[in-house]
Protein backbone atom coordinates (compact mmCIF):
# COMPACT_ATOMS: atom_id res chain seq x y z
CA MET A 1 -68.50 94.14 14.20
CA GLU A 2 -71.41 91.84 14.95
CA THR A 3 -73.46 90.31 12.09
CA LEU A 4 -77.17 89.78 12.41
CA ASN A 5 -78.74 86.56 11.25
CA LEU A 6 -82.16 87.66 9.97
CA PRO A 7 -84.50 85.02 8.54
CA LEU A 8 -86.35 85.66 5.30
CA TYR A 9 -89.73 85.03 6.97
CA PRO A 10 -90.71 85.69 10.57
CA THR A 11 -90.22 82.65 12.76
CA LEU A 12 -92.39 83.75 15.64
CA GLU A 13 -94.67 81.05 16.96
CA PRO A 14 -97.56 82.74 18.74
CA ARG A 15 -100.41 80.39 19.52
CA LEU A 16 -103.94 81.11 20.62
CA LYS A 17 -104.95 78.81 23.44
CA VAL A 18 -108.14 78.20 25.34
CA THR A 19 -108.10 79.63 28.81
CA PRO A 20 -109.56 77.40 31.55
CA LYS A 21 -112.31 79.95 32.24
CA SER A 22 -113.50 80.02 28.62
CA ASN A 23 -115.62 77.43 26.84
CA ILE A 24 -114.73 78.86 23.44
CA THR A 25 -111.96 77.15 21.54
CA SER A 26 -109.71 79.33 19.43
CA PRO A 27 -107.84 78.11 16.39
CA GLN A 28 -104.13 77.64 16.77
CA ILE A 29 -102.10 79.94 14.59
CA ASN A 30 -98.59 78.92 13.60
CA TYR A 31 -96.43 81.61 12.08
CA SER A 32 -93.34 79.43 11.61
CA ASN A 33 -94.43 78.58 8.04
CA PRO A 34 -96.09 81.66 6.51
CA LEU A 35 -96.83 79.86 3.23
CA ALA A 36 -98.87 77.12 4.92
CA ALA A 37 -102.05 79.22 5.05
CA LEU A 38 -101.65 80.27 1.42
CA GLU A 39 -100.96 76.70 0.34
CA SER A 40 -104.00 75.31 2.15
CA SER A 41 -106.21 78.04 0.64
CA LEU A 42 -104.95 77.29 -2.84
CA ASN A 43 -105.47 73.56 -2.31
CA SER A 44 -109.07 74.15 -1.29
CA ILE A 45 -109.70 76.31 -4.37
CA LEU A 46 -107.67 74.30 -6.87
CA PRO A 47 -107.54 70.70 -5.69
CA THR A 48 -104.63 68.69 -7.03
CA ARG A 49 -106.28 65.31 -6.69
CA PRO A 50 -108.86 64.42 -9.31
CA GLU A 51 -112.27 65.25 -7.90
CA GLU A 52 -115.54 65.18 -9.72
CA THR A 53 -116.27 68.72 -10.86
CA ASN A 54 -119.47 70.17 -12.28
CA VAL A 55 -118.04 69.77 -15.78
CA ILE A 56 -117.29 66.08 -15.25
CA ARG A 57 -120.73 65.41 -13.73
CA THR A 58 -122.44 67.30 -16.55
CA ARG A 59 -120.47 65.39 -19.18
CA LYS A 60 -121.59 62.12 -17.58
CA MET A 61 -125.24 63.23 -17.59
CA LEU A 62 -125.19 64.53 -21.16
CA GLY A 63 -123.39 61.48 -22.53
CA GLU A 64 -122.40 61.64 -26.20
CA THR A 65 -123.78 65.16 -26.63
CA ALA A 66 -121.13 66.53 -24.28
CA GLN A 67 -118.26 65.12 -26.34
CA GLU A 68 -118.73 67.92 -28.88
CA LEU A 69 -118.72 70.69 -26.24
CA SER A 70 -115.74 72.39 -24.64
CA ASP A 71 -115.41 72.77 -20.86
CA GLU A 72 -116.25 76.47 -21.17
CA GLN A 73 -119.44 75.70 -23.10
CA ILE A 74 -120.50 73.18 -20.46
CA GLU A 75 -119.81 75.70 -17.67
CA CYS A 76 -121.95 78.28 -19.52
CA ILE A 77 -124.79 75.78 -19.96
CA VAL A 78 -124.69 74.83 -16.27
CA SER A 79 -124.68 78.47 -15.12
CA GLU A 80 -127.54 79.37 -17.48
CA PHE A 81 -129.65 76.49 -16.21
CA GLN A 82 -128.83 77.39 -12.61
CA PHE A 83 -129.97 80.97 -13.28
CA LEU A 84 -133.23 79.75 -14.82
CA ILE A 85 -133.88 77.35 -11.93
CA ASN A 86 -133.28 80.10 -9.36
CA SER A 87 -135.55 82.50 -11.26
CA TRP A 88 -138.35 79.94 -11.54
CA LEU A 89 -138.08 79.07 -7.85
CA ASP A 90 -138.22 82.74 -6.90
CA GLU A 91 -141.34 83.24 -9.03
CA TYR A 92 -143.00 80.18 -7.51
CA GLU A 93 -142.17 81.28 -3.97
CA GLN A 94 -143.54 84.76 -4.70
CA ASP A 95 -146.79 83.19 -5.93
CA VAL A 96 -147.06 81.01 -2.82
CA PHE A 97 -145.92 83.55 -0.20
CA ASN A 98 -147.80 86.68 -1.38
CA GLY A 99 -145.00 88.36 -3.32
CA MET A 100 -142.12 87.31 -1.08
CA THR A 101 -139.45 84.68 -1.51
CA LEU A 102 -138.68 82.19 1.22
CA LYS A 103 -135.33 83.88 1.79
CA GLU A 104 -137.08 87.21 2.39
CA ILE A 105 -139.53 85.59 4.81
CA LEU A 106 -136.80 83.89 6.81
CA HIS A 107 -134.70 87.05 7.10
CA GLU A 108 -137.70 89.07 8.27
CA GLY A 109 -138.91 86.52 10.81
């Protein structure tokens, strides 16, 4: 009786390549490591190296005041200010552009 050696993950290695007639480059896909795509996505969302986040930048700007606040409180403050800024900009644009925002004008044009 013959035994089959089946890998846990597929080890196919299809690759998309540019044909000489085409000027469009296609990304190369490597299926030999199926976790590579997941790992790169997670690294882009949750970086492992220390990068300056919104919380860190806000703490620097607020100085001593921020020492009493938790990260969640700082995130809430930043999102509330961002909402207010966006609202004020929309109102200003509507005043300037006859009731339309710049985004609406650009999508219509």
